[in-house]
Amino acid sequence: MCLAIPSKVVELYDDGTALVDTLGVRRKVSLELMPEPVEVGDYVLIHVGFAIQKLDEEEALKSLELFEEIIEEMEKEEEYYEKD
């Protein structure tokens, strides 16, 4: 199973790559597998360093909100177990 977190395109480069932001972490990814053009501000899904699908902003933001809730719950659980 693959888990893809929406990433926001923050810069485009002439070499067919882009800088994306994924929950505050920035990294460079390839756009070679994208079936459609990508612009700064678009949200994409990343798989092994390649942008593979564009998402509309509403869908991406909903997904990001859910991931943030999951992370928050995992951190609470970790704190609970660290107390023992």
PDB file of N, CA and C in Angstrom:
ATOM      1  N   MET A   1       0.846  -1.181   0.000  1.00  0.00           N
ATOM      2  CA  MET A   1       0.000   0.000   0.000  1.00  0.00           C
ATOM      3  C   MET A   1       0.889   1.241   0.000  1.00  0.00           C
ATOM      4  N   CYS A   2       0.472   2.225  -0.728  1.00  0.00           N
ATOM      5  CA  CYS A   2       1.209   3.482  -0.823  1.00  0.00           C
ATOM      6  C   CYS A   2       0.361   4.599  -0.241  1.00  0.00           C
ATOM      7  N   LEU A   3       0.985   5.429   0.546  1.00  0.00           N
ATOM      8  CA  LEU A   3       0.291   6.553   1.151  1.00  0.00           C
ATOM      9  C   LEU A   3       0.871   7.826   0.558  1.00  0.00           C
ATOM     10  N   ALA A   4       0.056   8.577  -0.145  1.00  0.00           N
ATOM     11  CA  ALA A   4       0.521   9.806  -0.787  1.00  0.00           C
ATOM     12  C   ALA A   4      -0.104  11.009  -0.091  1.00  0.00           C
ATOM     13  N   ILE A   5       0.742  11.930   0.318  1.00  0.00           N
ATOM     14  CA  ILE A   5       0.291  13.143   0.985  1.00  0.00           C
ATOM     15  C   ILE A   5       0.337  14.277  -0.028  1.00  0.00           C
ATOM     16  N   PRO A   6      -0.739  15.056  -0.141  1.00  0.00           N
ATOM     17  CA  PRO A   6      -0.721  16.179  -1.087  1.00  0.00           C
ATOM     18  C   PRO A   6       0.427  17.152  -0.788  1.00  0.00           C
ATOM     19  N   SER A   7       1.053  17.601  -1.846  1.00  0.00           N
ATOM     20  CA  SER A   7       2.172  18.530  -1.734  1.00  0.00           C
ATOM     21  C   SER A   7       1.888  19.740  -2.613  1.00  0.00           C
ATOM     22  N   LYS A   8       2.223  20.916  -2.100  1.00  0.00           N
ATOM     23  CA  LYS A   8       1.976  22.152  -2.848  1.00  0.00           C
ATOM     24  C   LYS A   8       3.228  22.544  -3.627  1.00  0.00           C
ATOM     25  N   VAL A   9       3.048  22.831  -4.901  1.00  0.00           N
ATOM     26  CA  VAL A   9       4.160  23.264  -5.754  1.00  0.00           C
ATOM     27  C   VAL A   9       4.505  24.708  -5.391  1.00  0.00           C
ATOM     28  N   VAL A  10       5.771  24.935  -5.002  1.00  0.00           N
ATOM     29  CA  VAL A  10       6.182  26.287  -4.621  1.00  0.00           C
ATOM     30  C   VAL A  10       7.156  26.922  -5.617  1.00  0.00           C
ATOM     31  N   GLU A  11       7.838  26.082  -6.412  1.00  0.00           N
ATOM     32  CA  GLU A  11       8.729  26.600  -7.468  1.00  0.00           C
ATOM     33  C   GLU A  11       8.775  25.607  -8.618  1.00  0.00           C
ATOM     34  N   LEU A  12       8.916  26.116  -9.819  1.00  0.00           N
ATOM     35  CA  LEU A  12       9.103  25.279 -11.008  1.00  0.00           C
ATOM     36  C   LEU A  12      10.490  25.552 -11.585  1.00  0.00           C
ATOM     37  N   TYR A  13      11.144  24.510 -12.071  1.00  0.00           N
ATOM     38  CA  TYR A  13      12.479  24.657 -12.644  1.00  0.00           C
ATOM     39  C   TYR A  13      12.459  24.246 -14.118  1.00  0.00           C
ATOM     40  N   ASP A  14      13.414  24.771 -14.862  1.00  0.00           N
ATOM     41  CA  ASP A  14      13.497  24.502 -16.297  1.00  0.00           C
ATOM     42  C   ASP A  14      13.841  23.057 -16.626  1.00  0.00           C
ATOM     43  N   ASP A  15      14.350  22.303 -15.667  1.00  0.00           N
ATOM     44  CA  ASP A  15      14.764  20.920 -15.930  1.00  0.00           C
ATOM     45  C   ASP A  15      13.639  19.896 -15.730  1.00  0.00           C
ATOM     46  N   GLY A  16      12.386  20.364 -15.641  1.00  0.00           N
ATOM     47  CA  GLY A  16      11.266  19.442 -15.482  1.00  0.00           C
ATOM     48  C   GLY A  16      11.043  18.978 -14.060  1.00  0.00           C
ATOM     49  N   THR A  17      11.553  19.755 -13.113  1.00  0.00           N
ATOM     50  CA  THR A  17      11.360  19.442 -11.705  1.00  0.00           C
ATOM     51  C   THR A  17      10.661  20.608 -11.015  1.00  0.00           C
ATOM     52  N   ALA A  18      10.254  20.345  -9.774  1.00  0.00           N
ATOM     53  CA  ALA A  18       9.592  21.383  -8.993  1.00  0.00           C
ATOM     54  C   ALA A  18       9.979  21.231  -7.529  1.00  0.00           C
ATOM     55  N   LEU A  19       9.927  22.312  -6.811  1.00  0.00           N
ATOM     56  CA  LEU A  19      10.078  22.293  -5.361  1.00  0.00           C
ATOM     57  C   LEU A  19       8.675  22.238  -4.792  1.00  0.00           C
ATOM     58  N   VAL A  20       8.427  21.247  -3.935  1.00  0.00           N
ATOM     59  CA  VAL A  20       7.107  21.097  -3.333  1.00  0.00           C
ATOM     60  C   VAL A  20       7.212  21.177  -1.812  1.00  0.00           C
ATOM     61  N   ASP A  21       6.108  21.553  -1.192  1.00  0.00           N
ATOM     62  CA  ASP A  21       6.016  21.627   0.260  1.00  0.00           C
ATOM     63  C   ASP A  21       5.012  20.568   0.715  1.00  0.00           C
ATOM     64  N   THR A  22       5.482  19.663   1.573  1.00  0.00           N
ATOM     65  CA  THR A  22       4.639  18.603   2.121  1.00  0.00           C
ATOM     66  C   THR A  22       4.620  18.748   3.635  1.00  0.00           C
ATOM     67  N   LEU A  23       3.559  19.323   4.164  1.00  0.00           N
ATOM     68  CA  LEU A  23       3.425  19.533   5.613  1.00  0.00           C
ATOM     69  C   LEU A  23       4.641  20.234   6.198  1.00  0.00           C
ATOM     70  N   GLY A  24       5.138  21.237   5.473  1.00  0.00           N
ATOM     71  CA  GLY A  24       6.256  22.031   5.965  1.00  0.00           C
ATOM     72  C   GLY A  24       7.628  21.540   5.549  1.00  0.00           C
ATOM     73  N   VAL A  25       7.705  20.385   4.922  1.00  0.00           N
ATOM     74  CA  VAL A  25       8.975  19.839   4.441  1.00  0.00           C
ATOM     75  C   VAL A  25       9.059  20.077   2.941  1.00  0.00           C
ATOM     76  N   ARG A  26      10.154  20.708   2.516  1.00  0.00           N
ATOM     77  CA  ARG A  26      10.319  21.011   1.088  1.00  0.00           C
ATOM     78  C   ARG A  26      11.317  20.063   0.451  1.00  0.00           C
ATOM     79  N   ARG A  27      10.989  19.643  -0.779  1.00  0.00           N
ATOM     80  CA  ARG A  27      11.901  18.781  -1.523  1.00  0.00           C
ATOM     81  C   ARG A  27      11.657  18.944  -3.021  1.00  0.00           C
ATOM     82  N   LYS A  28      12.657  18.569  -3.780  1.00  0.00           N
ATOM     83  CA  LYS A  28      12.587  18.668  -5.229  1.00  0.00           C
ATOM     84  C   LYS A  28      12.058  17.355  -5.794  1.00  0.00           C
ATOM     85  N   VAL A  29      11.101  17.437  -6.724  1.00  0.00           N
ATOM     86  CA  VAL A  29      10.513  16.244  -7.343  1.00  0.00           C
ATOM     87  C   VAL A  29      10.488  16.404  -8.855  1.00  0.00           C
ATOM     88  N   SER A  30      10.392  15.276  -9.536  1.00  0.00           N
ATOM     89  CA  SER A  30      10.303  15.275 -10.992  1.00  0.00           C
ATOM     90  C   SER A  30       8.854  15.446 -11.428  1.00  0.00           C
ATOM     91  N   LEU A  31       8.666  16.171 -12.520  1.00  0.00           N
ATOM     92  CA  LEU A  31       7.343  16.343 -13.121  1.00  0.00           C
ATOM     93  C   LEU A  31       7.176  15.501 -14.385  1.00  0.00           C
ATOM     94  N   GLU A  32       8.144  14.631 -14.679  1.00  0.00           N
ATOM     95  CA  GLU A  32       8.146  13.871 -15.929  1.00  0.00           C
ATOM     96  C   GLU A  32       6.924  12.974 -16.108  1.00  0.00           C
ATOM     97  N   LEU A  33       6.316  12.506 -15.029  1.00  0.00           N
ATOM     98  CA  LEU A  33       5.180  11.591 -15.142  1.00  0.00           C
ATOM     99  C   LEU A  33       3.824  12.294 -15.075  1.00  0.00           C
ATOM    100  N   MET A  34       3.835  13.605 -14.977  1.00  0.00           N
ATOM    101  CA  MET A  34       2.569  14.343 -14.892  1.00  0.00           C
ATOM    102  C   MET A  34       1.869  14.350 -16.249  1.00  0.00           C
ATOM    103  N   PRO A  35       0.594  13.936 -16.254  1.00  0.00           N
ATOM    104  CA  PRO A  35      -0.147  13.917 -17.512  1.00  0.00           C
ATOM    105  C   PRO A  35      -0.645  15.291 -17.959  1.00  0.00           C
ATOM    106  N   GLU A  36      -0.511  16.283 -17.088  1.00  0.00           N
ATOM    107  CA  GLU A  36      -0.987  17.636 -17.406  1.00  0.00           C
ATOM    108  C   GLU A  36      -0.005  18.666 -16.849  1.00  0.00           C
ATOM    109  N   PRO A  37      -0.024  19.885 -17.368  1.00  0.00           N
ATOM    110  CA  PRO A  37       0.880  20.924 -16.870  1.00  0.00           C
ATOM    111  C   PRO A  37       0.614  21.249 -15.402  1.00  0.00           C
ATOM    112  N   VAL A  38       1.679  21.655 -14.722  1.00  0.00           N
ATOM    113  CA  VAL A  38       1.609  22.019 -13.304  1.00  0.00           C
ATOM    114  C   VAL A  38       2.076  23.461 -13.163  1.00  0.00           C
ATOM    115  N   GLU A  39       1.428  24.197 -12.272  1.00  0.00           N
ATOM    116  CA  GLU A  39       1.805  25.584 -12.014  1.00  0.00           C
ATOM    117  C   GLU A  39       2.089  25.768 -10.528  1.00  0.00           C
ATOM    118  N   VAL A  40       2.820  26.823 -10.202  1.00  0.00           N
ATOM    119  CA  VAL A  40       3.050  27.157  -8.796  1.00  0.00           C
ATOM    120  C   VAL A  40       1.696  27.347  -8.127  1.00  0.00           C
ATOM    121  N   GLY A  41       1.541  26.736  -6.951  1.00  0.00           N
ATOM    122  CA  GLY A  41       0.287  26.816  -6.219  1.00  0.00           C
ATOM    123  C   GLY A  41      -0.586  25.586  -6.383  1.00  0.00           C
ATOM    124  N   ASP A  42      -0.294  24.761  -7.403  1.00  0.00           N
ATOM    125  CA  ASP A  42      -1.040  23.517  -7.595  1.00  0.00           C
ATOM    126  C   ASP A  42      -0.661  22.516  -6.503  1.00  0.00           C
ATOM    127  N   TYR A  43      -1.582  21.594  -6.226  1.00  0.00           N
ATOM    128  CA  TYR A  43      -1.312  20.483  -5.316  1.00  0.00           C
ATOM    129  C   TYR A  43      -1.160  19.221  -6.135  1.00  0.00           C
ATOM    130  N   VAL A  44      -0.140  18.416  -5.787  1.00  0.00           N
ATOM    131  CA  VAL A  44       0.130  17.171  -6.499  1.00  0.00           C
ATOM    132  C   VAL A  44       0.368  16.051  -5.490  1.00  0.00           C
ATOM    133  N   LEU A  45       0.198  14.813  -5.987  1.00  0.00           N
ATOM    134  CA  LEU A  45       0.572  13.640  -5.203  1.00  0.00           C
ATOM    135  C   LEU A  45       1.931  13.179  -5.690  1.00  0.00           C
ATOM    136  N   ILE A  46       2.784  12.758  -4.747  1.00  0.00           N
ATOM    137  CA  ILE A  46       4.148  12.355  -5.053  1.00  0.00           C
ATOM    138  C   ILE A  46       4.305  10.861  -4.784  1.00  0.00           C
ATOM    139  N   HIS A  47       4.975  10.159  -5.697  1.00  0.00           N
ATOM    140  CA  HIS A  47       5.323   8.757  -5.485  1.00  0.00           C
ATOM    141  C   HIS A  47       6.779   8.569  -5.873  1.00  0.00           C
ATOM    142  N   VAL A  48       7.587   8.105  -4.946  1.00  0.00           N
ATOM    143  CA  VAL A  48       9.032   7.885  -5.110  1.00  0.00           C
ATOM    144  C   VAL A  48       9.729   9.006  -5.897  1.00  0.00           C
ATOM    145  N   GLY A  49       9.460  10.228  -5.515  1.00  0.00           N
ATOM    146  CA  GLY A  49      10.141  11.369  -6.111  1.00  0.00           C
ATOM    147  C   GLY A  49       9.535  11.923  -7.385  1.00  0.00           C
ATOM    148  N   PHE A  50       8.402  11.376  -7.809  1.00  0.00           N
ATOM    149  CA  PHE A  50       7.731  11.846  -9.013  1.00  0.00           C
ATOM    150  C   PHE A  50       6.338  12.358  -8.678  1.00  0.00           C
ATOM    151  N   ALA A  51       5.999  13.535  -9.185  1.00  0.00           N
ATOM    152  CA  ALA A  51       4.617  14.015  -9.101  1.00  0.00           C
ATOM    153  C   ALA A  51       3.824  13.176 -10.088  1.00  0.00           C
ATOM    154  N   ILE A  52       2.696  12.591  -9.627  1.00  0.00           N
ATOM    155  CA  ILE A  52       1.955  11.674 -10.500  1.00  0.00           C
ATOM    156  C   ILE A  52       0.517  12.106 -10.767  1.00  0.00           C
ATOM    157  N   GLN A  53       0.003  13.033  -9.960  1.00  0.00           N
ATOM    158  CA  GLN A  53      -1.394  13.440 -10.141  1.00  0.00           C
ATOM    159  C   GLN A  53      -1.602  14.813  -9.531  1.00  0.00           C
ATOM    160  N   LYS A  54      -2.413  15.618 -10.215  1.00  0.00           N
ATOM    161  CA  LYS A  54      -2.770  16.929  -9.682  1.00  0.00           C
ATOM    162  C   LYS A  54      -4.105  16.807  -8.943  1.00  0.00           C
ATOM    163  N   LEU A  55      -4.223  17.506  -7.807  1.00  0.00           N
ATOM    164  CA  LEU A  55      -5.450  17.535  -7.021  1.00  0.00           C
ATOM    165  C   LEU A  55      -6.023  18.935  -7.027  1.00  0.00           C
ATOM    166  N   ASP A  56      -7.351  19.033  -6.899  1.00  0.00           N
ATOM    167  CA  ASP A  56      -7.886  20.383  -6.731  1.00  0.00           C
ATOM    168  C   ASP A  56      -7.612  20.812  -5.290  1.00  0.00           C
ATOM    169  N   GLU A  57      -7.552  22.110  -5.082  1.00  0.00           N
ATOM    170  CA  GLU A  57      -7.137  22.652  -3.787  1.00  0.00           C
ATOM    171  C   GLU A  57      -8.038  22.188  -2.649  1.00  0.00           C
ATOM    172  N   GLU A  58      -9.337  22.159  -2.859  1.00  0.00           N
ATOM    173  CA  GLU A  58     -10.263  21.755  -1.799  1.00  0.00           C
ATOM    174  C   GLU A  58      -9.989  20.318  -1.345  1.00  0.00           C
ATOM    175  N   GLU A  59      -9.832  19.425  -2.301  1.00  0.00           N
ATOM    176  CA  GLU A  59      -9.545  18.019  -1.994  1.00  0.00           C
ATOM    177  C   GLU A  59      -8.209  17.891  -1.257  1.00  0.00           C
ATOM    178  N   ALA A  60      -7.201  18.621  -1.722  1.00  0.00           N
ATOM    179  CA  ALA A  60      -5.873  18.567  -1.097  1.00  0.00           C
ATOM    180  C   ALA A  60      -5.926  19.074   0.342  1.00  0.00           C
ATOM    181  N   LEU A  61      -6.607  20.184   0.570  1.00  0.00           N
ATOM    182  CA  LEU A  61      -6.673  20.750   1.917  1.00  0.00           C
ATOM    183  C   LEU A  61      -7.430  19.843   2.886  1.00  0.00           C
ATOM    184  N   LYS A  62      -8.482  19.186   2.400  1.00  0.00           N
ATOM    185  CA  LYS A  62      -9.212  18.224   3.235  1.00  0.00           C
ATOM    186  C   LYS A  62      -8.294  17.066   3.633  1.00  0.00           C
ATOM    187  N   SER A  63      -7.548  16.556   2.677  1.00  0.00           N
ATOM    188  CA  SER A  63      -6.616  15.461   2.957  1.00  0.00           C
ATOM    189  C   SER A  63      -5.544  15.883   3.948  1.00  0.00           C
ATOM    190  N   LEU A  64      -4.990  17.074   3.753  1.00  0.00           N
ATOM    191  CA  LEU A  64      -3.955  17.561   4.661  1.00  0.00           C
ATOM    192  C   LEU A  64      -4.488  17.725   6.083  1.00  0.00           C
ATOM    193  N   GLU A  65      -5.713  18.181   6.202  1.00  0.00           N
ATOM    194  CA  GLU A  65      -6.335  18.328   7.521  1.00  0.00           C
ATOM    195  C   GLU A  65      -6.438  16.969   8.210  1.00  0.00           C
ATOM    196  N   LEU A  66      -6.835  15.957   7.466  1.00  0.00           N
ATOM    197  CA  LEU A  66      -6.926  14.606   8.030  1.00  0.00           C
ATOM    198  C   LEU A  66      -5.551  14.080   8.446  1.00  0.00           C
ATOM    199  N   PHE A  67      -4.538  14.304   7.625  1.00  0.00           N
ATOM    200  CA  PHE A  67      -3.189  13.866   7.987  1.00  0.00           C
ATOM    201  C   PHE A  67      -2.716  14.569   9.250  1.00  0.00           C
ATOM    202  N   GLU A  68      -3.003  15.850   9.392  1.00  0.00           N
ATOM    203  CA  GLU A  68      -2.603  16.582  10.594  1.00  0.00           C
ATOM    204  C   GLU A  68      -3.301  16.030  11.828  1.00  0.00           C
ATOM    205  N   GLU A  69      -4.570  15.636  11.697  1.00  0.00           N
ATOM    206  CA  GLU A  69      -5.294  15.031  12.820  1.00  0.00           C
ATOM    207  C   GLU A  69      -4.664  13.684  13.194  1.00  0.00           C
ATOM    208  N   ILE A  70      -4.303  12.896  12.207  1.00  0.00           N
ATOM    209  CA  ILE A  70      -3.666  11.609  12.466  1.00  0.00           C
ATOM    210  C   ILE A  70      -2.337  11.809  13.189  1.00  0.00           C
ATOM    211  N   ILE A  71      -1.541  12.747  12.721  1.00  0.00           N
ATOM    212  CA  ILE A  71      -0.248  13.027  13.345  1.00  0.00           C
ATOM    213  C   ILE A  71      -0.451  13.464  14.791  1.00  0.00           C
ATOM    214  N   GLU A  72      -1.414  14.323  15.032  1.00  0.00           N
ATOM    215  CA  GLU A  72      -1.703  14.794  16.382  1.00  0.00           C
ATOM    216  C   GLU A  72      -2.065  13.626  17.300  1.00  0.00           C
ATOM    217  N   GLU A  73      -2.914  12.731  16.820  1.00  0.00           N
ATOM    218  CA  GLU A  73      -3.319  11.564  17.626  1.00  0.00           C
ATOM    219  C   GLU A  73      -2.134  10.636  17.887  1.00  0.00           C
ATOM    220  N   MET A  74      -1.285  10.458  16.894  1.00  0.00           N
ATOM    221  CA  MET A  74      -0.105   9.608  17.073  1.00  0.00           C
ATOM    222  C   MET A  74       0.847  10.207  18.109  1.00  0.00           C
ATOM    223  N   GLU A  75       0.987  11.528  18.092  1.00  0.00           N
ATOM    224  CA  GLU A  75       1.851  12.186  19.075  1.00  0.00           C
ATOM    225  C   GLU A  75       1.287  12.039  20.477  1.00  0.00           C
ATOM    226  N   LYS A  76      -0.036  12.138  20.629  1.00  0.00           N
ATOM    227  CA  LYS A  76      -0.666  11.934  21.935  1.00  0.00           C
ATOM    228  C   LYS A  76      -0.425  10.513  22.436  1.00  0.00           C
ATOM    229  N   GLU A  77      -0.567   9.557  21.542  1.00  0.00           N
ATOM    230  CA  GLU A  77      -0.357   8.160  21.909  1.00  0.00           C
ATOM    231  C   GLU A  77       1.096   7.928  22.319  1.00  0.00           C
ATOM    232  N   GLU A  78       2.021   8.511  21.587  1.00  0.00           N
ATOM    233  CA  GLU A  78       3.440   8.379  21.906  1.00  0.00           C
ATOM    234  C   GLU A  78       3.740   8.959  23.284  1.00  0.00           C
ATOM    235  N   GLU A  79       3.166  10.130  23.570  1.00  0.00           N
ATOM    236  CA  GLU A  79       3.358  10.742  24.890  1.00  0.00           C
ATOM    237  C   GLU A  79       2.797   9.851  25.986  1.00  0.00           C
ATOM    238  N   TYR A  80       1.663   9.227  25.746  1.00  0.00           N
ATOM    239  CA  TYR A  80       1.037   8.334  26.716  1.00  0.00           C
ATOM    240  C   TYR A  80       1.975   7.166  27.051  1.00  0.00           C
ATOM    241  N   TYR A  81       2.540   6.553  26.038  1.00  0.00           N
ATOM    242  CA  TYR A  81       3.417   5.395  26.258  1.00  0.00           C
ATOM    243  C   TYR A  81       4.769   5.780  26.829  1.00  0.00           C
ATOM    244  N   GLU A  82       5.217   6.997  26.585  1.00  0.00           N
ATOM    245  CA  GLU A  82       6.493   7.444  27.139  1.00  0.00           C
ATOM    246  C   GLU A  82       6.402   7.680  28.637  1.00  0.00           C
ATOM    247  N   LYS A  83       5.209   7.892  29.168  1.00  0.00           N
ATOM    248  CA  LYS A  83       5.000   8.125  30.602  1.00  0.00           C
ATOM    249  C   LYS A  83       5.255   6.855  31.409  1.00  0.00           C
ATOM    250  N   ASP A  84       5.056   5.705  30.794  1.00  0.00           N
ATOM    251  CA  ASP A  84       5.224   4.433  31.514  1.00  0.00           C
ATOM    252  C   ASP A  84       6.673   4.062  31.715  1.00  0.00           C
TER     253      ASP A  84
END
